[in-house]
Amino acid sequence: MHLLILILLFILIVSLISFLGVISLIIEKKLLNKMLFIVIAFAAGALFGAAFLHMIPEAFEGNANSILFVPIGIVIFLIVEKFIYWRHCHDPKCKIHSFAYMNLLGDAIHNFLDGIIIATAFLVNIPFGIIVSLAVILHEVPQEVGDFGVLIYGGLKVKKAILLNFLVALTAFAGAVFAYFLASHISGVIPYFIALSAGSFIYIGAVDLMPELHKELDKSKSIIQVIAFAIGIAAMYVLMHLIAVH
């Protein structure tokens, strides 16, 4: 049971990232963009590093057939984003545009899956759980800033946007508890969950984060982004050896 407490502690840390969206109102937009363009590049690299250097090898070692679930994880996230995140209200009379609420629903599903990812990683071992949690935290930073902006743009008041964003972040607890007890009752399910998680990391890195890097046309800034991306991958590799996953 102490492992479940540790999992929930890391889920709480990830959930608190939802408050970072407020910085979009405090920090000057120009400075925020400068910070995010590096964070996004680093996060993309960290996600790829975690997926290819840690998660896929771990899943394959547990059960070679689980690798088939990597593309399934990609498809799951495609469905979530294609049919939930991107629906809008085109009626100008909408006070609170429906896309703000659809974004919350999509974010809830996303956070539920994050909870599954983190819990599954800790069920392998604690160091592996820490590495995967760090990767989740890194991609949550730019995502939460973006999601908060969507809620404000959609017509929600600041306090309500903060509260709803945090409540939605708590769905990660449900995902974690679900994965923990399912894995406890069904033998051999963990490698499949890890493979699904790797697929989600690859999708988020390739579809949500990498396109943002292509928006930067300045050569010197692009070089900085490439370096940050490479450092993100390297950081995952170094972590693997520092905290000895195996």
C-alpha atoms as a PDB file:
ATOM      1  CA  MET A   1       0.000   0.000   0.000  1.00  0.00           C
ATOM      2  CA  HIS A   2       2.970   2.344   0.571  1.00  0.00           C
ATOM      3  CA  LEU A   3       3.632   2.157  -3.183  1.00  0.00           C
ATOM      4  CA  LEU A   4       0.115   3.452  -3.877  1.00  0.00           C
ATOM      5  CA  ILE A   5       0.751   6.384  -1.529  1.00  0.00           C
ATOM      6  CA  LEU A   6       3.970   7.180  -3.402  1.00  0.00           C
ATOM      7  CA  ILE A   7       2.112   6.999  -6.730  1.00  0.00           C
ATOM      8  CA  LEU A   8      -0.609   9.348  -5.458  1.00  0.00           C
ATOM      9  CA  LEU A   9       2.037  11.759  -4.156  1.00  0.00           C
ATOM     10  CA  PHE A  10       3.575  12.061  -7.624  1.00  0.00           C
ATOM     11  CA  ILE A  11       0.093  12.389  -9.138  1.00  0.00           C
ATOM     12  CA  LEU A  12      -0.539  15.308  -6.769  1.00  0.00           C
ATOM     13  CA  ILE A  13       2.690  16.978  -7.910  1.00  0.00           C
ATOM     14  CA  VAL A  14       1.631  16.571 -11.551  1.00  0.00           C
ATOM     15  CA  SER A  15      -1.864  17.891 -10.745  1.00  0.00           C
ATOM     16  CA  LEU A  16      -0.430  21.034  -9.149  1.00  0.00           C
ATOM     17  CA  ILE A  17       1.171  21.849 -12.518  1.00  0.00           C
ATOM     18  CA  SER A  18      -2.335  22.947 -13.559  1.00  0.00           C
ATOM     19  CA  PHE A  19      -1.799  26.188 -11.607  1.00  0.00           C
ATOM     20  CA  LEU A  20       1.077  27.128 -13.910  1.00  0.00           C
ATOM     21  CA  GLY A  21      -1.467  28.356 -16.428  1.00  0.00           C
ATOM     22  CA  VAL A  22      -1.827  31.487 -14.311  1.00  0.00           C
ATOM     23  CA  ILE A  23       1.679  32.603 -15.322  1.00  0.00           C
ATOM     24  CA  SER A  24       0.266  33.384 -18.752  1.00  0.00           C
ATOM     25  CA  LEU A  25      -1.569  36.266 -17.063  1.00  0.00           C
ATOM     26  CA  ILE A  26       1.366  37.402 -14.924  1.00  0.00           C
ATOM     27  CA  ILE A  27       4.355  37.158 -17.260  1.00  0.00           C
ATOM     28  CA  GLU A  28       4.660  39.401 -20.287  1.00  0.00           C
ATOM     29  CA  LYS A  29       3.628  37.490 -23.414  1.00  0.00           C
ATOM     30  CA  LYS A  30       6.987  38.058 -25.132  1.00  0.00           C
ATOM     31  CA  LEU A  31       8.927  36.648 -22.181  1.00  0.00           C
ATOM     32  CA  LEU A  32       6.488  33.741 -21.797  1.00  0.00           C
ATOM     33  CA  ASN A  33       6.950  32.775 -25.453  1.00  0.00           C
ATOM     34  CA  LYS A  34      10.748  32.866 -25.028  1.00  0.00           C
ATOM     35  CA  MET A  35      10.504  30.535 -22.050  1.00  0.00           C
ATOM     36  CA  LEU A  36       8.019  28.165 -23.659  1.00  0.00           C
ATOM     37  CA  PHE A  37       9.882  27.741 -26.935  1.00  0.00           C
ATOM     38  CA  ILE A  38      12.788  26.177 -25.018  1.00  0.00           C
ATOM     39  CA  VAL A  39      10.587  24.226 -22.585  1.00  0.00           C
ATOM     40  CA  ILE A  40       8.591  22.714 -25.469  1.00  0.00           C
ATOM     41  CA  ALA A  41      11.750  21.610 -27.293  1.00  0.00           C
ATOM     42  CA  PHE A  42      13.207  20.087 -24.116  1.00  0.00           C
ATOM     43  CA  ALA A  43       9.897  18.377 -23.264  1.00  0.00           C
ATOM     44  CA  ALA A  44       9.629  16.874 -26.767  1.00  0.00           C
ATOM     45  CA  GLY A  45      13.123  15.433 -26.450  1.00  0.00           C
ATOM     46  CA  ALA A  46      12.376  14.099 -22.971  1.00  0.00           C
ATOM     47  CA  LEU A  47       9.215  12.359 -24.189  1.00  0.00           C
ATOM     48  CA  PHE A  48      11.032  10.674 -27.068  1.00  0.00           C
ATOM     49  CA  GLY A  49      13.911   9.765 -24.770  1.00  0.00           C
ATOM     50  CA  ALA A  50      11.589   8.262 -22.162  1.00  0.00           C
ATOM     51  CA  ALA A  51       9.590   6.348 -24.788  1.00  0.00           C
ATOM     52  CA  PHE A  52      12.469   4.909 -26.834  1.00  0.00           C
ATOM     53  CA  LEU A  53      15.171   4.554 -24.169  1.00  0.00           C
ATOM     54  CA  HIS A  54      13.061   3.402 -21.213  1.00  0.00           C
ATOM     55  CA  MET A  55       9.478   2.458 -21.898  1.00  0.00           C
ATOM     56  CA  ILE A  56       9.647   0.441 -25.119  1.00  0.00           C
ATOM     57  CA  PRO A  57      12.655  -1.641 -23.937  1.00  0.00           C
ATOM     58  CA  GLU A  58      10.909  -2.213 -20.588  1.00  0.00           C
ATOM     59  CA  ALA A  59       7.676  -3.301 -22.288  1.00  0.00           C
ATOM     60  CA  PHE A  60       9.538  -5.590 -24.690  1.00  0.00           C
ATOM     61  CA  GLU A  61      11.467  -7.179 -21.837  1.00  0.00           C
ATOM     62  CA  GLY A  62       8.221  -7.866 -19.962  1.00  0.00           C
ATOM     63  CA  ASN A  63       6.418  -9.290 -23.004  1.00  0.00           C
ATOM     64  CA  ALA A  64       7.609  -9.017 -26.602  1.00  0.00           C
ATOM     65  CA  ASN A  65       4.002  -8.994 -27.862  1.00  0.00           C
ATOM     66  CA  SER A  66       3.292  -5.820 -25.885  1.00  0.00           C
ATOM     67  CA  ILE A  67       5.150  -3.788 -28.552  1.00  0.00           C
ATOM     68  CA  LEU A  68       2.008  -4.058 -30.683  1.00  0.00           C
ATOM     69  CA  PHE A  69       0.360  -1.731 -28.164  1.00  0.00           C
ATOM     70  CA  VAL A  70       2.721   1.157 -28.946  1.00  0.00           C
ATOM     71  CA  PRO A  71       0.808   2.082 -32.136  1.00  0.00           C
ATOM     72  CA  ILE A  72      -2.456   1.436 -30.276  1.00  0.00           C
ATOM     73  CA  GLY A  73      -1.401   4.088 -27.759  1.00  0.00           C
ATOM     74  CA  ILE A  74      -0.775   6.505 -30.639  1.00  0.00           C
ATOM     75  CA  VAL A  75      -4.238   5.791 -32.070  1.00  0.00           C
ATOM     76  CA  ILE A  76      -5.921   6.303 -28.665  1.00  0.00           C
ATOM     77  CA  PHE A  77      -4.408   9.765 -28.316  1.00  0.00           C
ATOM     78  CA  LEU A  78      -5.275  10.578 -31.915  1.00  0.00           C
ATOM     79  CA  ILE A  79      -8.921   9.751 -31.177  1.00  0.00           C
ATOM     80  CA  VAL A  80      -8.934  11.816 -27.966  1.00  0.00           C
ATOM     81  CA  GLU A  81      -7.497  14.889 -29.670  1.00  0.00           C
ATOM     82  CA  LYS A  82      -9.280  14.500 -33.005  1.00  0.00           C
ATOM     83  CA  PHE A  83     -12.789  14.073 -31.659  1.00  0.00           C
ATOM     84  CA  ILE A  84     -12.686  15.898 -28.313  1.00  0.00           C
ATOM     85  CA  TYR A  85     -10.034  18.605 -28.136  1.00  0.00           C
ATOM     86  CA  TRP A  86     -10.790  20.192 -31.482  1.00  0.00           C
ATOM     87  CA  ARG A  87     -14.579  20.614 -31.409  1.00  0.00           C
ATOM     88  CA  HIS A  88     -15.640  24.256 -31.144  1.00  0.00           C
ATOM     89  CA  CYS A  89     -18.722  26.332 -30.824  1.00  0.00           C
ATOM     90  CA  HIS A  90     -19.056  28.470 -33.937  1.00  0.00           C
ATOM     91  CA  ASP A  91     -22.052  30.387 -32.609  1.00  0.00           C
ATOM     92  CA  PRO A  92     -20.913  33.921 -31.628  1.00  0.00           C
ATOM     93  CA  LYS A  93     -23.797  34.081 -29.122  1.00  0.00           C
ATOM     94  CA  CYS A  94     -22.158  31.413 -26.948  1.00  0.00           C
ATOM     95  CA  LYS A  95     -21.034  33.174 -23.772  1.00  0.00           C
ATOM     96  CA  ILE A  96     -18.895  30.285 -22.664  1.00  0.00           C
ATOM     97  CA  HIS A  97     -17.845  28.670 -25.903  1.00  0.00           C
ATOM     98  CA  SER A  98     -18.424  24.931 -25.927  1.00  0.00           C
ATOM     99  CA  PHE A  99     -14.837  24.347 -27.077  1.00  0.00           C
ATOM    100  CA  ALA A 100     -13.684  25.474 -23.606  1.00  0.00           C
ATOM    101  CA  TYR A 101     -15.720  22.693 -22.014  1.00  0.00           C
ATOM    102  CA  MET A 102     -14.694  20.217 -24.705  1.00  0.00           C
ATOM    103  CA  ASN A 103     -11.091  21.126 -23.940  1.00  0.00           C
ATOM    104  CA  LEU A 104     -11.743  20.355 -20.269  1.00  0.00           C
ATOM    105  CA  LEU A 105     -13.256  16.992 -21.214  1.00  0.00           C
ATOM    106  CA  GLY A 106     -10.297  16.183 -23.444  1.00  0.00           C
ATOM    107  CA  ASP A 107      -7.913  17.277 -20.710  1.00  0.00           C
ATOM    108  CA  ALA A 108      -9.720  15.061 -18.187  1.00  0.00           C
ATOM    109  CA  ILE A 109      -9.253  12.015 -20.421  1.00  0.00           C
ATOM    110  CA  HIS A 110      -5.634  13.003 -21.045  1.00  0.00           C
ATOM    111  CA  ASN A 111      -4.965  13.333 -17.294  1.00  0.00           C
ATOM    112  CA  PHE A 112      -6.716  10.009 -16.598  1.00  0.00           C
ATOM    113  CA  LEU A 113      -4.302   8.394 -19.057  1.00  0.00           C
ATOM    114  CA  ASP A 114      -1.377  10.222 -17.417  1.00  0.00           C
ATOM    115  CA  GLY A 115      -2.433   8.670 -14.115  1.00  0.00           C
ATOM    116  CA  ILE A 116      -2.359   5.215 -15.720  1.00  0.00           C
ATOM    117  CA  ILE A 117       1.087   5.963 -17.183  1.00  0.00           C
ATOM    118  CA  ILE A 118       2.589   7.074 -13.857  1.00  0.00           C
ATOM    119  CA  ALA A 119       1.052   4.244 -11.802  1.00  0.00           C
ATOM    120  CA  THR A 120       2.154   1.623 -14.321  1.00  0.00           C
ATOM    121  CA  ALA A 121       5.706   2.950 -14.294  1.00  0.00           C
ATOM    122  CA  PHE A 122       5.892   2.780 -10.483  1.00  0.00           C
ATOM    123  CA  LEU A 123       4.543  -0.763 -10.565  1.00  0.00           C
ATOM    124  CA  VAL A 124       7.653  -1.720 -12.568  1.00  0.00           C
ATOM    125  CA  ASN A 125       9.928  -0.110  -9.987  1.00  0.00           C
ATOM    126  CA  ILE A 126      10.292   3.226  -8.189  1.00  0.00           C
ATOM    127  CA  PRO A 127      13.198   4.650 -10.265  1.00  0.00           C
ATOM    128  CA  PHE A 128      11.302   3.905 -13.477  1.00  0.00           C
ATOM    129  CA  GLY A 129       8.253   5.631 -11.996  1.00  0.00           C
ATOM    130  CA  ILE A 130      10.291   8.740 -11.170  1.00  0.00           C
ATOM    131  CA  ILE A 131      11.693   8.973 -14.714  1.00  0.00           C
ATOM    132  CA  VAL A 132       8.276   8.620 -16.342  1.00  0.00           C
ATOM    133  CA  SER A 133       6.749  11.104 -13.877  1.00  0.00           C
ATOM    134  CA  LEU A 134       9.408  13.676 -14.776  1.00  0.00           C
ATOM    135  CA  ALA A 135       8.619  13.225 -18.467  1.00  0.00           C
ATOM    136  CA  VAL A 136       4.906  13.721 -17.740  1.00  0.00           C
ATOM    137  CA  ILE A 137       5.631  16.866 -15.700  1.00  0.00           C
ATOM    138  CA  LEU A 138       7.756  18.320 -18.510  1.00  0.00           C
ATOM    139  CA  HIS A 139       5.052  17.967 -21.146  1.00  0.00           C
ATOM    140  CA  GLU A 140       2.365  19.173 -18.729  1.00  0.00           C
ATOM    141  CA  VAL A 141       4.030  22.596 -18.326  1.00  0.00           C
ATOM    142  CA  PRO A 142       3.413  23.952 -21.865  1.00  0.00           C
ATOM    143  CA  GLN A 143       0.138  22.026 -22.102  1.00  0.00           C
ATOM    144  CA  GLU A 144      -1.336  23.585 -18.961  1.00  0.00           C
ATOM    145  CA  VAL A 145      -0.328  27.079 -20.052  1.00  0.00           C
ATOM    146  CA  GLY A 146      -2.024  26.440 -23.392  1.00  0.00           C
ATOM    147  CA  ASP A 147      -5.143  24.875 -21.844  1.00  0.00           C
ATOM    148  CA  PHE A 148      -5.561  27.789 -19.444  1.00  0.00           C
ATOM    149  CA  GLY A 149      -5.351  30.206 -22.377  1.00  0.00           C
ATOM    150  CA  VAL A 150      -8.084  28.237 -24.180  1.00  0.00           C
ATOM    151  CA  LEU A 151     -10.382  28.459 -21.145  1.00  0.00           C
ATOM    152  CA  ILE A 152      -9.896  32.220 -20.824  1.00  0.00           C
ATOM    153  CA  TYR A 153     -10.388  32.697 -24.550  1.00  0.00           C
ATOM    154  CA  GLY A 154     -13.506  30.541 -24.309  1.00  0.00           C
ATOM    155  CA  GLY A 155     -15.086  33.027 -21.912  1.00  0.00           C
ATOM    156  CA  LEU A 156     -14.393  31.583 -18.466  1.00  0.00           C
ATOM    157  CA  LYS A 157     -13.512  33.930 -15.618  1.00  0.00           C
ATOM    158  CA  VAL A 158      -9.968  33.566 -14.266  1.00  0.00           C
ATOM    159  CA  LYS A 159     -10.970  32.046 -10.902  1.00  0.00           C
ATOM    160  CA  LYS A 160     -13.348  29.579 -12.527  1.00  0.00           C
ATOM    161  CA  ALA A 161     -10.729  28.619 -15.123  1.00  0.00           C
ATOM    162  CA  ILE A 162      -8.167  27.972 -12.365  1.00  0.00           C
ATOM    163  CA  LEU A 163     -10.635  25.872 -10.328  1.00  0.00           C
ATOM    164  CA  LEU A 164     -11.920  23.812 -13.262  1.00  0.00           C
ATOM    165  CA  ASN A 165      -8.412  23.248 -14.616  1.00  0.00           C
ATOM    166  CA  PHE A 166      -7.288  21.918 -11.222  1.00  0.00           C
ATOM    167  CA  LEU A 167     -10.375  19.717 -10.761  1.00  0.00           C
ATOM    168  CA  VAL A 168      -9.812  18.241 -14.216  1.00  0.00           C
ATOM    169  CA  ALA A 169      -6.164  17.590 -13.323  1.00  0.00           C
ATOM    170  CA  LEU A 170      -7.371  15.441 -10.419  1.00  0.00           C
ATOM    171  CA  THR A 171      -8.754  12.839 -12.852  1.00  0.00           C
ATOM    172  CA  ALA A 172      -5.168  11.578 -12.942  1.00  0.00           C
ATOM    173  CA  PHE A 173      -5.846  10.101  -9.469  1.00  0.00           C
ATOM    174  CA  ALA A 174      -8.658   7.989 -10.917  1.00  0.00           C
ATOM    175  CA  GLY A 175      -6.369   6.746 -13.692  1.00  0.00           C
ATOM    176  CA  ALA A 176      -3.643   5.867 -11.199  1.00  0.00           C
ATOM    177  CA  VAL A 177      -5.965   3.955  -8.867  1.00  0.00           C
ATOM    178  CA  PHE A 178      -7.538   2.151 -11.843  1.00  0.00           C
ATOM    179  CA  ALA A 179      -4.136   1.021 -13.158  1.00  0.00           C
ATOM    180  CA  TYR A 180      -2.866   0.066  -9.693  1.00  0.00           C
ATOM    181  CA  PHE A 181      -5.766  -2.229  -8.822  1.00  0.00           C
ATOM    182  CA  LEU A 182      -6.167  -3.620 -12.340  1.00  0.00           C
ATOM    183  CA  ALA A 183      -2.486  -4.586 -12.408  1.00  0.00           C
ATOM    184  CA  SER A 184      -2.881  -6.151  -8.959  1.00  0.00           C
ATOM    185  CA  HIS A 185      -5.686  -8.425 -10.198  1.00  0.00           C
ATOM    186  CA  ILE A 186      -4.618  -9.189 -13.764  1.00  0.00           C
ATOM    187  CA  SER A 187      -1.223 -10.809 -14.171  1.00  0.00           C
ATOM    188  CA  GLY A 188       1.006  -9.661 -17.030  1.00  0.00           C
ATOM    189  CA  VAL A 189      -0.917  -6.469 -17.872  1.00  0.00           C
ATOM    190  CA  ILE A 190       1.921  -4.042 -16.981  1.00  0.00           C
ATOM    191  CA  PRO A 191       4.031  -4.455 -20.178  1.00  0.00           C
ATOM    192  CA  TYR A 192       0.940  -3.666 -22.268  1.00  0.00           C
ATOM    193  CA  PHE A 193       0.221  -0.534 -20.230  1.00  0.00           C
ATOM    194  CA  ILE A 194       3.841   0.567 -20.614  1.00  0.00           C
ATOM    195  CA  ALA A 195       3.665   0.065 -24.381  1.00  0.00           C
ATOM    196  CA  LEU A 196       0.440   2.102 -24.543  1.00  0.00           C
ATOM    197  CA  SER A 197       2.152   4.790 -22.485  1.00  0.00           C
ATOM    198  CA  ALA A 198       5.134   4.839 -24.843  1.00  0.00           C
ATOM    199  CA  GLY A 199       2.738   5.305 -27.754  1.00  0.00           C
ATOM    200  CA  SER A 200       1.124   8.265 -25.995  1.00  0.00           C
ATOM    201  CA  PHE A 201       4.528   9.875 -25.370  1.00  0.00           C
ATOM    202  CA  ILE A 202       5.493   9.432 -29.026  1.00  0.00           C
ATOM    203  CA  TYR A 203       2.167  10.927 -30.152  1.00  0.00           C
ATOM    204  CA  ILE A 204       2.402  13.951 -27.840  1.00  0.00           C
ATOM    205  CA  GLY A 205       6.034  14.584 -28.791  1.00  0.00           C
ATOM    206  CA  ALA A 206       5.492  14.194 -32.537  1.00  0.00           C
ATOM    207  CA  VAL A 207       2.020  15.710 -32.970  1.00  0.00           C
ATOM    208  CA  ASP A 208       1.585  18.276 -30.177  1.00  0.00           C
ATOM    209  CA  LEU A 209       5.108  19.522 -29.495  1.00  0.00           C
ATOM    210  CA  MET A 210       7.244  19.084 -32.629  1.00  0.00           C
ATOM    211  CA  PRO A 211       4.924  21.177 -34.848  1.00  0.00           C
ATOM    212  CA  GLU A 212       5.387  24.047 -32.385  1.00  0.00           C
ATOM    213  CA  LEU A 213       9.124  23.900 -33.024  1.00  0.00           C
ATOM    214  CA  HIS A 214       8.550  24.283 -36.758  1.00  0.00           C
ATOM    215  CA  LYS A 215       6.771  27.582 -36.165  1.00  0.00           C
ATOM    216  CA  GLU A 216      10.112  29.158 -35.230  1.00  0.00           C
ATOM    217  CA  LEU A 217      11.737  30.436 -38.420  1.00  0.00           C
ATOM    218  CA  ASP A 218      14.678  32.308 -36.932  1.00  0.00           C
ATOM    219  CA  LYS A 219      17.824  30.207 -37.555  1.00  0.00           C
ATOM    220  CA  SER A 220      19.626  31.025 -34.310  1.00  0.00           C
ATOM    221  CA  LYS A 221      16.520  30.306 -32.225  1.00  0.00           C
ATOM    222  CA  SER A 222      15.928  27.113 -34.178  1.00  0.00           C
ATOM    223  CA  ILE A 223      19.444  25.957 -33.312  1.00  0.00           C
ATOM    224  CA  ILE A 224      18.709  26.608 -29.627  1.00  0.00           C
ATOM    225  CA  GLN A 225      15.542  24.524 -29.934  1.00  0.00           C
ATOM    226  CA  VAL A 226      17.397  21.632 -31.560  1.00  0.00           C
ATOM    227  CA  ILE A 227      19.982  21.751 -28.761  1.00  0.00           C
ATOM    228  CA  ALA A 228      17.221  21.809 -26.125  1.00  0.00           C
ATOM    229  CA  PHE A 229      15.531  18.862 -27.865  1.00  0.00           C
ATOM    230  CA  ALA A 230      18.795  16.878 -27.861  1.00  0.00           C
ATOM    231  CA  ILE A 231      19.399  17.749 -24.210  1.00  0.00           C
ATOM    232  CA  GLY A 232      15.906  16.424 -23.391  1.00  0.00           C
ATOM    233  CA  ILE A 233      16.786  13.059 -24.941  1.00  0.00           C
ATOM    234  CA  ALA A 234      20.204  13.044 -23.259  1.00  0.00           C
ATOM    235  CA  ALA A 235      18.637  13.874 -19.883  1.00  0.00           C
ATOM    236  CA  MET A 236      16.467  10.755 -20.067  1.00  0.00           C
ATOM    237  CA  TYR A 237      19.505   8.654 -20.976  1.00  0.00           C
ATOM    238  CA  VAL A 238      21.545  10.065 -18.080  1.00  0.00           C
ATOM    239  CA  LEU A 239      18.675   9.584 -15.640  1.00  0.00           C
ATOM    240  CA  MET A 240      18.443   5.947 -16.681  1.00  0.00           C
ATOM    241  CA  HIS A 241      22.011   5.392 -15.504  1.00  0.00           C
ATOM    242  CA  LEU A 242      21.970   7.720 -12.499  1.00  0.00           C
ATOM    243  CA  ILE A 243      19.042   6.114 -10.752  1.00  0.00           C
ATOM    244  CA  ALA A 244      19.674   2.625 -12.176  1.00  0.00           C
ATOM    245  CA  VAL A 245      16.314   1.539 -13.546  1.00  0.00           C
ATOM    246  CA  HIS A 246      17.525  -2.025 -13.908  1.00  0.00           C
END
